[in-house]
Amino acid sequence: PEEFDPVEETPDPADFLYIGELRDLKGVGVLLNALLALKAENYAARVVLVGSGTAEDMERYRRMAEPLGDRMAFLPPMPARRAFALARNVVVPSLAESMPYIVLEAAAAGRPLLATDVGGIPEILDGPREQLLPPGDAGALAEALRLALRQPQRMTAEASPRRDRMKQKFSLSVMAGRVEGIYRTALERFKERPANSAMEADFSR
């Protein structure tokens, strides 16, 4: 399926991509603070933020990002796979999540990924939890960004087996097989019920 095909990067990709709602709960402010810390250390990371937010939040984030100059780009919402081509690494700095689909998409596409240890993210990635980041910690995120810049080969090497795990766990054929198994088990249990069980249930009230 297309969602498991590797994404070909643009000729001059940025270093990091954030894609999603632009609001504090998604960790956008934490990400910007981490990037400002890198700039203070003379790391010239290029970043793309794809998404939209309230006018108030957008104005605040743009002001925060001013010291980053032309190394920070704000782009409107677009399909995830098109956005993945814009940068080498995907960053998911959320403070809270349920089961973020963007993590599924990034991992399935084989994109190097930096994500926080919240909600369903550990279950999706199914790897060592020490590879996940503490939410809301700009210092820890800055260190992870710094390592990603220094060790791009390591980031790529970690992404490939993660993609394989995604394919095994979440491909359409696997998910269809699981659903079929659930229905088959339910049907077998229904057939095993005594014929008068429903009637007994009614008279026992």
Foldseek 3Di string as FASTA:
>chain_A
DVLLAAAAADPDAFAEEEEDEQDVQQPLVLQLLLVVVVVVVVDLGAYEYEEYYDPVSVVVSCVSCVVNPPSYYYHYHDDLSVRLNRHQEYERQGQEDAQDVSLLSCLSNLGQYAAADYHCNCVLQVDDNVSHHHHPDSVRVSVVSVVCVVCVVVSSVSSVVSNVVSCCCPPPVNVVVVVVVVVVVVVVVVVPDDPCPVVVVVVVD
